[in-house]
Structures are given as C-alpha cells and as structure tokens.
C-alpha atoms as a PDB file:
ATOM      1  CA  MET A   1       4.875 -21.873  -2.767  1.00  0.00           C
ATOM      2  CA  ASP A   2       1.301 -23.397  -3.084  1.00  0.00           C
ATOM      3  CA  ARG A   3      -1.007 -20.968  -4.612  1.00  0.00           C
ATOM      4  CA  THR A   4      -3.790 -22.972  -3.400  1.00  0.00           C
ATOM      5  CA  ASN A   5      -3.353 -22.001   0.138  1.00  0.00           C
ATOM      6  CA  ASN A   6      -5.399 -19.238   1.748  1.00  0.00           C
ATOM      7  CA  SER A   7      -3.304 -16.226   1.208  1.00  0.00           C
ATOM      8  CA  LEU A   8      -4.575 -13.379  -0.451  1.00  0.00           C
ATOM      9  CA  LEU A   9      -1.914 -12.055  -2.321  1.00  0.00           C
ATOM     10  CA  CYS A  10       1.553 -14.558  -2.963  1.00  0.00           C
ATOM     11  CA  THR A  11       4.628 -13.844  -5.055  1.00  0.00           C
ATOM     12  CA  GLU A  12       6.215 -16.705  -6.546  1.00  0.00           C
ATOM     13  CA  ASN A  13      10.080 -16.708  -7.939  1.00  0.00           C
ATOM     14  CA  LEU A  14       8.857 -13.088  -8.810  1.00  0.00           C
ATOM     15  CA  THR A  15      12.209 -11.322 -10.396  1.00  0.00           C
ATOM     16  CA  LYS A  16      12.483  -8.009 -12.412  1.00  0.00           C
ATOM     17  CA  ASP A  17      15.550  -6.827 -14.250  1.00  0.00           C
ATOM     18  CA  PHE A  18      16.443  -3.389 -15.287  1.00  0.00           C
ATOM     19  CA  GLY A  19      19.154  -4.249 -17.774  1.00  0.00           C
ATOM     20  CA  LYS A  20      21.925  -5.929 -15.603  1.00  0.00           C
ATOM     21  CA  LEU A  21      20.407  -4.636 -12.622  1.00  0.00           C
ATOM     22  CA  ARG A  22      18.175  -7.077 -10.579  1.00  0.00           C
ATOM     23  CA  ALA A  23      15.705  -4.980  -8.548  1.00  0.00           C
ATOM     24  CA  VAL A  24      13.649  -8.298  -7.547  1.00  0.00           C
ATOM     25  CA  ASP A  25      15.443 -11.416  -7.120  1.00  0.00           C
ATOM     26  CA  ASN A  26      13.593 -14.688  -7.042  1.00  0.00           C
ATOM     27  CA  LEU A  27      11.207 -13.320  -4.419  1.00  0.00           C
ATOM     28  CA  SER A  28       8.050 -15.586  -2.805  1.00  0.00           C
ATOM     29  CA  LEU A  29       6.144 -13.860  -0.380  1.00  0.00           C
ATOM     30  CA  SER A  30       2.735 -14.261   0.682  1.00  0.00           C
ATOM     31  CA  LEU A  31       0.279 -12.341   2.605  1.00  0.00           C
ATOM     32  CA  GLU A  32      -2.813 -13.211   4.469  1.00  0.00           C
ATOM     33  CA  GLU A  33      -6.411 -11.862   4.075  1.00  0.00           C
ATOM     34  CA  GLY A  34      -7.176  -9.401   7.222  1.00  0.00           C
ATOM     35  CA  GLU A  35      -3.478  -8.308   8.107  1.00  0.00           C
ATOM     36  CA  ILE A  36      -1.456  -5.454   8.263  1.00  0.00           C
ATOM     37  CA  ARG A  37       2.128  -6.259   6.830  1.00  0.00           C
ATOM     38  CA  GLY A  38       4.988  -4.203   6.813  1.00  0.00           C
ATOM     39  CA  LEU A  39       7.439  -3.836   4.396  1.00  0.00           C
ATOM     40  CA  ILE A  40      11.069  -2.785   5.357  1.00  0.00           C
ATOM     41  CA  GLY A  41      14.466  -2.600   3.987  1.00  0.00           C
ATOM     42  CA  PRO A  42      17.431  -0.182   3.084  1.00  0.00           C
ATOM     43  CA  ASN A  43      17.303   2.177   0.079  1.00  0.00           C
ATOM     44  CA  GLY A  44      17.149   0.182  -3.319  1.00  0.00           C
ATOM     45  CA  SER A  45      16.485  -3.045  -1.620  1.00  0.00           C
ATOM     46  CA  GLY A  46      13.359  -3.404  -4.178  1.00  0.00           C
ATOM     47  CA  LYS A  47      10.380  -2.531  -2.104  1.00  0.00           C
ATOM     48  CA  THR A  48       8.690  -0.179  -4.740  1.00  0.00           C
ATOM     49  CA  THR A  49       9.464  -2.038  -7.619  1.00  0.00           C
ATOM     50  CA  LEU A  50       7.784  -4.979  -5.714  1.00  0.00           C
ATOM     51  CA  MET A  51       4.871  -2.622  -4.956  1.00  0.00           C
ATOM     52  CA  ASN A  52       5.128  -1.627  -8.943  1.00  0.00           C
ATOM     53  CA  LEU A  53       4.960  -5.578  -9.928  1.00  0.00           C
ATOM     54  CA  ILE A  54       1.861  -6.116  -7.986  1.00  0.00           C
ATOM     55  CA  SER A  55      -0.037  -3.355  -9.008  1.00  0.00           C
ATOM     56  CA  GLY A  56       0.640  -4.035 -12.673  1.00  0.00           C
ATOM     57  CA  ILE A  57       2.896  -1.014 -13.610  1.00  0.00           C
ATOM     58  CA  TYR A  58       5.858  -3.223 -14.395  1.00  0.00           C
ATOM     59  CA  LYS A  59       5.856  -6.613 -15.794  1.00  0.00           C
ATOM     60  CA  PRO A  60       7.850  -9.210 -14.318  1.00  0.00           C
ATOM     61  CA  THR A  61      10.939 -10.760 -16.001  1.00  0.00           C
ATOM     62  CA  ASN A  62      10.220 -14.115 -14.333  1.00  0.00           C
ATOM     63  CA  GLY A  63       7.822 -15.549 -11.814  1.00  0.00           C
ATOM     64  CA  GLY A  64       4.503 -14.558 -11.326  1.00  0.00           C
ATOM     65  CA  VAL A  65       2.080 -12.382  -9.146  1.00  0.00           C
ATOM     66  CA  TYR A  66      -1.239 -14.324  -7.549  1.00  0.00           C
ATOM     67  CA  PHE A  67      -4.435 -12.518  -5.891  1.00  0.00           C
ATOM     68  CA  SER A  68      -7.033 -15.080  -4.294  1.00  0.00           C
ATOM     69  CA  GLY A  69      -5.293 -17.658  -6.259  1.00  0.00           C
ATOM     70  CA  LYS A  70      -5.404 -16.131  -9.528  1.00  0.00           C
ATOM     71  CA  ARG A  71      -2.597 -14.909 -11.735  1.00  0.00           C
ATOM     72  CA  ILE A  72      -2.738 -11.236 -12.132  1.00  0.00           C
ATOM     73  CA  ASP A  73       0.722 -10.075 -13.290  1.00  0.00           C
ATOM     74  CA  ARG A  74      -0.485 -10.200 -16.825  1.00  0.00           C
ATOM     75  CA  LEU A  75      -3.071  -7.879 -16.305  1.00  0.00           C
ATOM     76  CA  SER A  76      -3.118  -4.167 -16.715  1.00  0.00           C
ATOM     77  CA  PRO A  77      -3.185  -1.724 -13.916  1.00  0.00           C
ATOM     78  CA  GLU A  78      -6.644  -0.987 -14.797  1.00  0.00           C
ATOM     79  CA  SER A  79      -7.871  -4.624 -14.427  1.00  0.00           C
ATOM     80  CA  ILE A  80      -5.744  -5.152 -11.222  1.00  0.00           C
ATOM     81  CA  THR A  81      -7.759  -2.411  -9.740  1.00  0.00           C
ATOM     82  CA  HIS A  82     -10.984  -3.839 -10.745  1.00  0.00           C
ATOM     83  CA  GLN A  83      -9.793  -6.915  -8.676  1.00  0.00           C
ATOM     84  CA  GLY A  84     -10.239  -5.142  -5.392  1.00  0.00           C
ATOM     85  CA  ILE A  85      -6.304  -3.479  -5.403  1.00  0.00           C
ATOM     86  CA  MET A  86      -5.563  -0.095  -4.627  1.00  0.00           C
ATOM     87  CA  ARG A  87      -2.114   1.744  -4.097  1.00  0.00           C
ATOM     88  CA  THR A  88      -0.662   4.854  -2.953  1.00  0.00           C
ATOM     89  CA  PHE A  89       2.622   6.534  -4.350  1.00  0.00           C
ATOM     90  CA  GLN A  90       5.328   8.425  -2.517  1.00  0.00           C
ATOM     91  CA  VAL A  91       4.430  11.787  -4.253  1.00  0.00           C
ATOM     92  CA  ALA A  92       0.638  12.173  -3.858  1.00  0.00           C
ATOM     93  CA  ARG A  93      -1.368  12.068  -7.193  1.00  0.00           C
ATOM     94  CA  LEU A  94      -3.948  14.176  -6.948  1.00  0.00           C
ATOM     95  CA  PHE A  95      -5.908  16.605  -9.293  1.00  0.00           C
ATOM     96  CA  GLY A  96      -4.812  20.128  -7.881  1.00  0.00           C
ATOM     97  CA  ASP A  97      -7.726  22.075  -9.746  1.00  0.00           C
ATOM     98  CA  MET A  98     -10.379  19.885  -8.348  1.00  0.00           C
ATOM     99  CA  THR A  99     -11.419  20.094  -4.832  1.00  0.00           C
ATOM    100  CA  VAL A 100     -11.073  17.699  -2.188  1.00  0.00           C
ATOM    101  CA  LEU A 101     -14.383  16.583  -2.310  1.00  0.00           C
ATOM    102  CA  GLU A 102     -14.191  16.149  -6.373  1.00  0.00           C
ATOM    103  CA  ASN A 103     -10.884  14.069  -5.809  1.00  0.00           C
ATOM    104  CA  MET A 104     -12.820  11.653  -3.308  1.00  0.00           C
ATOM    105  CA  LEU A 105     -15.345  10.883  -5.996  1.00  0.00           C
ATOM    106  CA  ILE A 106     -13.312   9.853  -8.787  1.00  0.00           C
ATOM    107  CA  PRO A 107     -12.974   6.343  -7.976  1.00  0.00           C
ATOM    108  CA  ALA A 108     -16.459   5.948  -6.999  1.00  0.00           C
ATOM    109  CA  PHE A 109     -17.727   7.222 -10.363  1.00  0.00           C
ATOM    110  CA  THR A 110     -15.215   5.144 -12.659  1.00  0.00           C
ATOM    111  CA  GLN A 111     -16.686   2.236 -10.983  1.00  0.00           C
ATOM    112  CA  GLY A 112     -20.522   3.321 -11.510  1.00  0.00           C
ATOM    113  CA  THR A 113     -21.480   4.467  -7.827  1.00  0.00           C
ATOM    114  CA  GLY A 114     -24.175   6.588  -7.698  1.00  0.00           C
ATOM    115  CA  LYS A 115     -23.793  10.229  -6.742  1.00  0.00           C
ATOM    116  CA  ARG A 116     -25.679  10.103  -3.629  1.00  0.00           C
ATOM    117  CA  GLU A 117     -24.158   7.138  -2.189  1.00  0.00           C
ATOM    118  CA  ALA A 118     -20.514   8.310  -3.114  1.00  0.00           C
ATOM    119  CA  SER A 119     -21.169  11.530  -1.783  1.00  0.00           C
ATOM    120  CA  HIS A 120     -22.275  10.338   1.690  1.00  0.00           C
ATOM    121  CA  ARG A 121     -19.592   7.573   1.907  1.00  0.00           C
ATOM    122  CA  ALA A 122     -16.692  10.680   0.948  1.00  0.00           C
ATOM    123  CA  LYS A 123     -18.213  12.865   3.421  1.00  0.00           C
ATOM    124  CA  GLU A 124     -17.885   9.851   6.061  1.00  0.00           C
ATOM    125  CA  LEU A 125     -14.428   9.343   5.327  1.00  0.00           C
ATOM    126  CA  LEU A 126     -13.349  12.629   5.238  1.00  0.00           C
ATOM    127  CA  ASP A 127     -14.860  13.694   8.558  1.00  0.00           C
ATOM    128  CA  PHE A 128     -13.505  10.664  10.158  1.00  0.00           C
ATOM    129  CA  SER A 129      -9.653  11.746   8.515  1.00  0.00           C
ATOM    130  CA  LEU A 130     -10.225  15.139   9.914  1.00  0.00           C
ATOM    131  CA  LEU A 131     -10.328  16.521   6.269  1.00  0.00           C
ATOM    132  CA  GLY A 132     -13.904  17.452   6.313  1.00  0.00           C
ATOM    133  CA  ARG A 133     -13.701  21.179   6.895  1.00  0.00           C
ATOM    134  CA  LEU A 134     -11.461  20.926   3.727  1.00  0.00           C
ATOM    135  CA  THR A 135     -14.244  19.505   1.573  1.00  0.00           C
ATOM    136  CA  HIS A 136     -14.245  22.321  -0.878  1.00  0.00           C
ATOM    137  CA  GLU A 137     -10.930  23.403  -1.048  1.00  0.00           C
ATOM    138  CA  PRO A 138      -8.947  23.100  -4.028  1.00  0.00           C
ATOM    139  CA  ALA A 139      -6.403  20.200  -3.354  1.00  0.00           C
ATOM    140  CA  ARG A 140      -3.379  22.345  -4.659  1.00  0.00           C
ATOM    141  CA  ASN A 141      -4.091  24.289  -1.623  1.00  0.00           C
ATOM    142  CA  LEU A 142      -3.292  21.399   1.169  1.00  0.00           C
ATOM    143  CA  SER A 143      -0.209  20.846   2.885  1.00  0.00           C
ATOM    144  CA  GLY A 144       2.303  17.693   1.679  1.00  0.00           C
ATOM    145  CA  GLY A 145       0.703  15.592   4.901  1.00  0.00           C
ATOM    146  CA  GLN A 146      -2.657  16.187   3.887  1.00  0.00           C
ATOM    147  CA  CYS A 147      -2.299  15.615   0.483  1.00  0.00           C
ATOM    148  CA  MET A 148      -1.152  12.131   1.496  1.00  0.00           C
ATOM    149  CA  LEU A 149      -3.854  11.642   3.793  1.00  0.00           C
ATOM    150  CA  LEU A 150      -6.148  12.565   1.175  1.00  0.00           C
ATOM    151  CA  GLN A 151      -4.406   9.979  -1.507  1.00  0.00           C
ATOM    152  CA  ILE A 152      -5.019   7.450   1.315  1.00  0.00           C
ATOM    153  CA  VAL A 153      -8.778   8.257   1.970  1.00  0.00           C
ATOM    154  CA  ARG A 154      -9.442   8.544  -1.574  1.00  0.00           C
ATOM    155  CA  GLY A 155      -8.676   5.028  -2.353  1.00  0.00           C
ATOM    156  CA  PHE A 156     -11.151   3.740   0.683  1.00  0.00           C
ATOM    157  CA  MET A 157     -14.008   4.769  -2.096  1.00  0.00           C
ATOM    158  CA  ARG A 158     -13.306   1.917  -4.134  1.00  0.00           C
ATOM    159  CA  GLN A 159     -15.557  -1.049  -3.208  1.00  0.00           C
ATOM    160  CA  PRO A 160     -14.938  -3.828  -2.641  1.00  0.00           C
ATOM    161  CA  LEU A 161     -11.545  -2.726  -1.880  1.00  0.00           C
ATOM    162  CA  ARG A 162      -9.397  -6.211  -0.540  1.00  0.00           C
ATOM    163  CA  LEU A 163      -5.626  -4.946  -0.783  1.00  0.00           C
ATOM    164  CA  TYR A 164      -4.202  -1.462  -0.399  1.00  0.00           C
ATOM    165  CA  LEU A 165      -0.574  -1.006  -0.966  1.00  0.00           C
ATOM    166  CA  LEU A 166       0.590   1.796   0.913  1.00  0.00           C
ATOM    167  CA  ASP A 167       4.171   3.117  -0.328  1.00  0.00           C
ATOM    168  CA  GLU A 168       6.191   5.566   2.203  1.00  0.00           C
ATOM    169  CA  PRO A 169       2.841   6.892   3.316  1.00  0.00           C
ATOM    170  CA  PHE A 170       4.481   8.305   6.741  1.00  0.00           C
ATOM    171  CA  ALA A 171       7.527  10.242   5.119  1.00  0.00           C
ATOM    172  CA  GLY A 172       7.947  13.678   6.358  1.00  0.00           C
ATOM    173  CA  VAL A 173       4.277  13.856   7.700  1.00  0.00           C
ATOM    174  CA  HIS A 174       3.509  15.931  10.654  1.00  0.00           C
ATOM    175  CA  PRO A 175       2.853  13.678  13.746  1.00  0.00           C
ATOM    176  CA  THR A 176      -1.043  14.848  13.868  1.00  0.00           C
ATOM    177  CA  ILE A 177      -1.685  13.754  10.519  1.00  0.00           C
ATOM    178  CA  LYS A 178       0.451  10.659  10.878  1.00  0.00           C
ATOM    179  CA  ASP A 179      -1.804   9.476  13.860  1.00  0.00           C
ATOM    180  CA  VAL A 180      -4.707   9.841  11.631  1.00  0.00           C
ATOM    181  CA  MET A 181      -3.470   7.736   9.100  1.00  0.00           C
ATOM    182  CA  ILE A 182      -2.745   4.999  11.304  1.00  0.00           C
ATOM    183  CA  ARG A 183      -6.180   5.157  12.743  1.00  0.00           C
ATOM    184  CA  THR A 184      -7.890   5.551   9.378  1.00  0.00           C
ATOM    185  CA  VAL A 185      -5.910   1.923   8.232  1.00  0.00           C
ATOM    186  CA  GLN A 186      -6.640   0.196  11.612  1.00  0.00           C
ATOM    187  CA  LYS A 187     -10.442   1.421  11.222  1.00  0.00           C
ATOM    188  CA  MET A 188     -10.748   0.067   7.456  1.00  0.00           C
ATOM    189  CA  ASN A 189      -8.793  -3.098   8.361  1.00  0.00           C
ATOM    190  CA  ARG A 190     -10.983  -3.777  11.598  1.00  0.00           C
ATOM    191  CA  GLU A 191     -14.423  -2.429   9.980  1.00  0.00           C
ATOM    192  CA  GLU A 192     -14.105  -3.192   6.177  1.00  0.00           C
ATOM    193  CA  GLY A 193     -11.731  -6.161   6.003  1.00  0.00           C
ATOM    194  CA  VAL A 194      -8.954  -4.429   4.029  1.00  0.00           C
ATOM    195  CA  THR A 195      -5.954  -6.093   4.145  1.00  0.00           C
ATOM    196  CA  PHE A 196      -2.593  -3.672   3.684  1.00  0.00           C
ATOM    197  CA  LEU A 197       0.979  -3.870   2.333  1.00  0.00           C
ATOM    198  CA  VAL A 198       2.740  -1.011   4.275  1.00  0.00           C
ATOM    199  CA  VAL A 199       6.210   0.199   2.959  1.00  0.00           C
ATOM    200  CA  SER A 200       7.868   2.719   5.113  1.00  0.00           C
ATOM    201  CA  HIS A 201      11.394   3.599   6.759  1.00  0.00           C
ATOM    202  CA  GLU A 202       9.285   4.696   9.807  1.00  0.00           C
ATOM    203  CA  LEU A 203      10.065   1.858  11.902  1.00  0.00           C
ATOM    204  CA  THR A 204       8.420   3.184  15.239  1.00  0.00           C
ATOM    205  CA  VAL A 205       4.940   3.372  13.167  1.00  0.00           C
ATOM    206  CA  VAL A 206       5.774   0.063  11.537  1.00  0.00           C
ATOM    207  CA  ARG A 207       6.191  -1.379  15.018  1.00  0.00           C
ATOM    208  CA  ARG A 208       2.933   0.181  16.027  1.00  0.00           C
ATOM    209  CA  LEU A 209       0.724  -0.644  13.185  1.00  0.00           C
ATOM    210  CA  CYS A 210       2.103  -4.279  11.705  1.00  0.00           C
ATOM    211  CA  THR A 211       1.819  -7.232  13.279  1.00  0.00           C
ATOM    212  CA  ARG A 212       4.318  -8.997  11.015  1.00  0.00           C
ATOM    213  CA  ILE A 213       7.065  -7.324   9.379  1.00  0.00           C
ATOM    214  CA  SER A 214       9.096  -8.869   6.000  1.00  0.00           C
ATOM    215  CA  VAL A 215      12.330  -7.816   5.304  1.00  0.00           C
ATOM    216  CA  LEU A 216      13.728  -6.981   1.646  1.00  0.00           C
ATOM    217  CA  HIS A 217      17.418  -6.455   0.889  1.00  0.00           C
ATOM    218  CA  GLY A 218      18.954  -6.536  -2.453  1.00  0.00           C
ATOM    219  CA  GLY A 219      15.562  -7.551  -4.203  1.00  0.00           C
ATOM    220  CA  ARG A 220      15.411 -10.827  -1.582  1.00  0.00           C
ATOM    221  CA  LEU A 221      13.158 -11.714   1.483  1.00  0.00           C
ATOM    222  CA  ILE A 222      15.941 -12.295   4.267  1.00  0.00           C
ATOM    223  CA  SER A 223      13.688 -11.910   7.209  1.00  0.00           C
ATOM    224  CA  GLU A 224       9.852 -12.375   8.286  1.00  0.00           C
ATOM    225  CA  GLY A 225       8.339 -11.918  11.760  1.00  0.00           C
ATOM    226  CA  THR A 226       7.535  -9.523  14.363  1.00  0.00           C
ATOM    227  CA  MET A 227       9.459  -6.406  14.750  1.00  0.00           C
ATOM    228  CA  LYS A 228      11.092  -7.874  17.455  1.00  0.00           C
ATOM    229  CA  GLU A 229      11.904 -11.109  15.800  1.00  0.00           C
ATOM    230  CA  VAL A 230      13.284  -9.229  12.616  1.00  0.00           C
ATOM    231  CA  ALA A 231      15.507  -6.701  14.554  1.00  0.00           C
ATOM    232  CA  ASN A 232      17.263  -9.515  16.427  1.00  0.00           C
ATOM    233  CA  ASP A 233      17.775 -11.170  13.004  1.00  0.00           C
ATOM    234  CA  PRO A 234      21.451 -11.382  12.422  1.00  0.00           C
ATOM    235  CA  ARG A 235      20.740 -10.949   8.626  1.00  0.00           C
ATOM    236  CA  VAL A 236      18.430  -7.824   9.187  1.00  0.00           C
ATOM    237  CA  ILE A 237      21.261  -6.258  11.517  1.00  0.00           C
ATOM    238  CA  ASP A 238      23.770  -7.107   9.237  1.00  0.00           C
ATOM    239  CA  SER A 239      22.430  -5.559   6.006  1.00  0.00           C
ATOM    240  CA  TYR A 240      19.631  -3.240   7.388  1.00  0.00           C
ATOM    241  CA  LEU A 241      20.676  -1.800  10.196  1.00  0.00           C
ATOM    242  CA  GLY A 242      24.587  -1.840   9.349  1.00  0.00           C
ATOM    243  CA  GLY A 243      25.498  -3.725  12.494  1.00  0.00           C
END
C-alpha cells in the first residue's frame, strides 16, 4: 500500500495474534478523509480488534497503522487521541456521578479549552442531540441509549477531531435515539469534516449512513464497495450472510 496517497488512515499488512489465535490477518485497508465508512462482518471477524489497534489499545504483532502518512501504532492511546482520533466503546464509558454537562466538559478541559468556550460548545451539542434537558442530570440516571448517545456527542468536544471510530453505537438503542445519532454523525461529517469508521451489525443503518462498506471475515478484508455491491459479493454471502 502506498502511504503517500491521500488516505487519512491506512493499515499496512496489519496483523494481531493472541497466542495461537489470529484476530487480524495481514489487513491492508484505507480510509479517505471526509467519508463515513461502514465496517461489517460476523462476530469474531476482527472488527473491534481493528478498532483497538487503530486507537492504540492493542499493539500489532506485525504491520502498521498510518494516519495522515505518519505511523501511529507505536504511540500511546493518549498520543493517538492528540492526533485527532476519538473512539467509542460498545459499553458506554461515562462518569456516572458526574452530570451530563460535566461529562461533556472533560475532553475539552484535558486539552486546555477555556471554560466559557467549552460550555458553549457542550450546550450546543447537547441541544442538537436532544440531551439538553438532561444537562444537569447525573449520567447514571440515563437510559442505555442515552448513555451511548452522550458518549458519541462527548467525543465531538475534542478539537480538532479528524477521525471518529464508532464501535457498535446502535446496538439495542431506541429508534428515536438511533435517528438522533445518525443525524449527529451526518452533521459533524458535513459541517466539520469529521471522518467516521462505523462498526455495526445494523445493516439498515449502515446502508443509510455509509456510502462505502468494508467487510471483514476471519480478520481479513474480503470485500469493499457500496452496500449493494458487498451484499451481492459471493464471498460475503458465503461467509457473512450464511448463503
């Protein structure tokens, strides 16, 4: 893979072993700046492991991860965050005893944003995502879907944010909250140019949100294209759709 191209993110022969288990297998994938890419595949296909490799939680066994042409897989998760990369987790990681607003302010304060500026942005984001009425509510009182939505919205407090990794953000979420999540992602992509890599089993949402889909199976990239293209790919039908 040519790391000198215009890709925002690329992995080059990326491999991750856990003992004798190979979770990601010689994976080369590229993501263009400004796109919303879907990442699908059956359970155990390596999707979350890939997210953990990109965000620095795991170190690769072989290969590398490159962001804007610079290698980042040797950096700490904190250093990767400072490059402009954020992520969510399948179980929302919030501070339950803090209010919704206080949870929002944490990323801004860790990068030195002033209180007035941070509070203004937080309130704008909360209002847009329909969480504004819960501003002073302890996070522990939120529903599961509201927690996931807050986790997503909180990530936009880091500026500049260039790449956002969303790991199963729609699982078990009420359709109304799901719609808010989709509108929020589209707004931040359109207005602030944030690039997204979205892992999801919710194929109807992926079809609605993502113009291009990558399919993993057994840690390998087996197909890429539009949802129609990958859904008609015999390799995807055989390995993912059970055909």
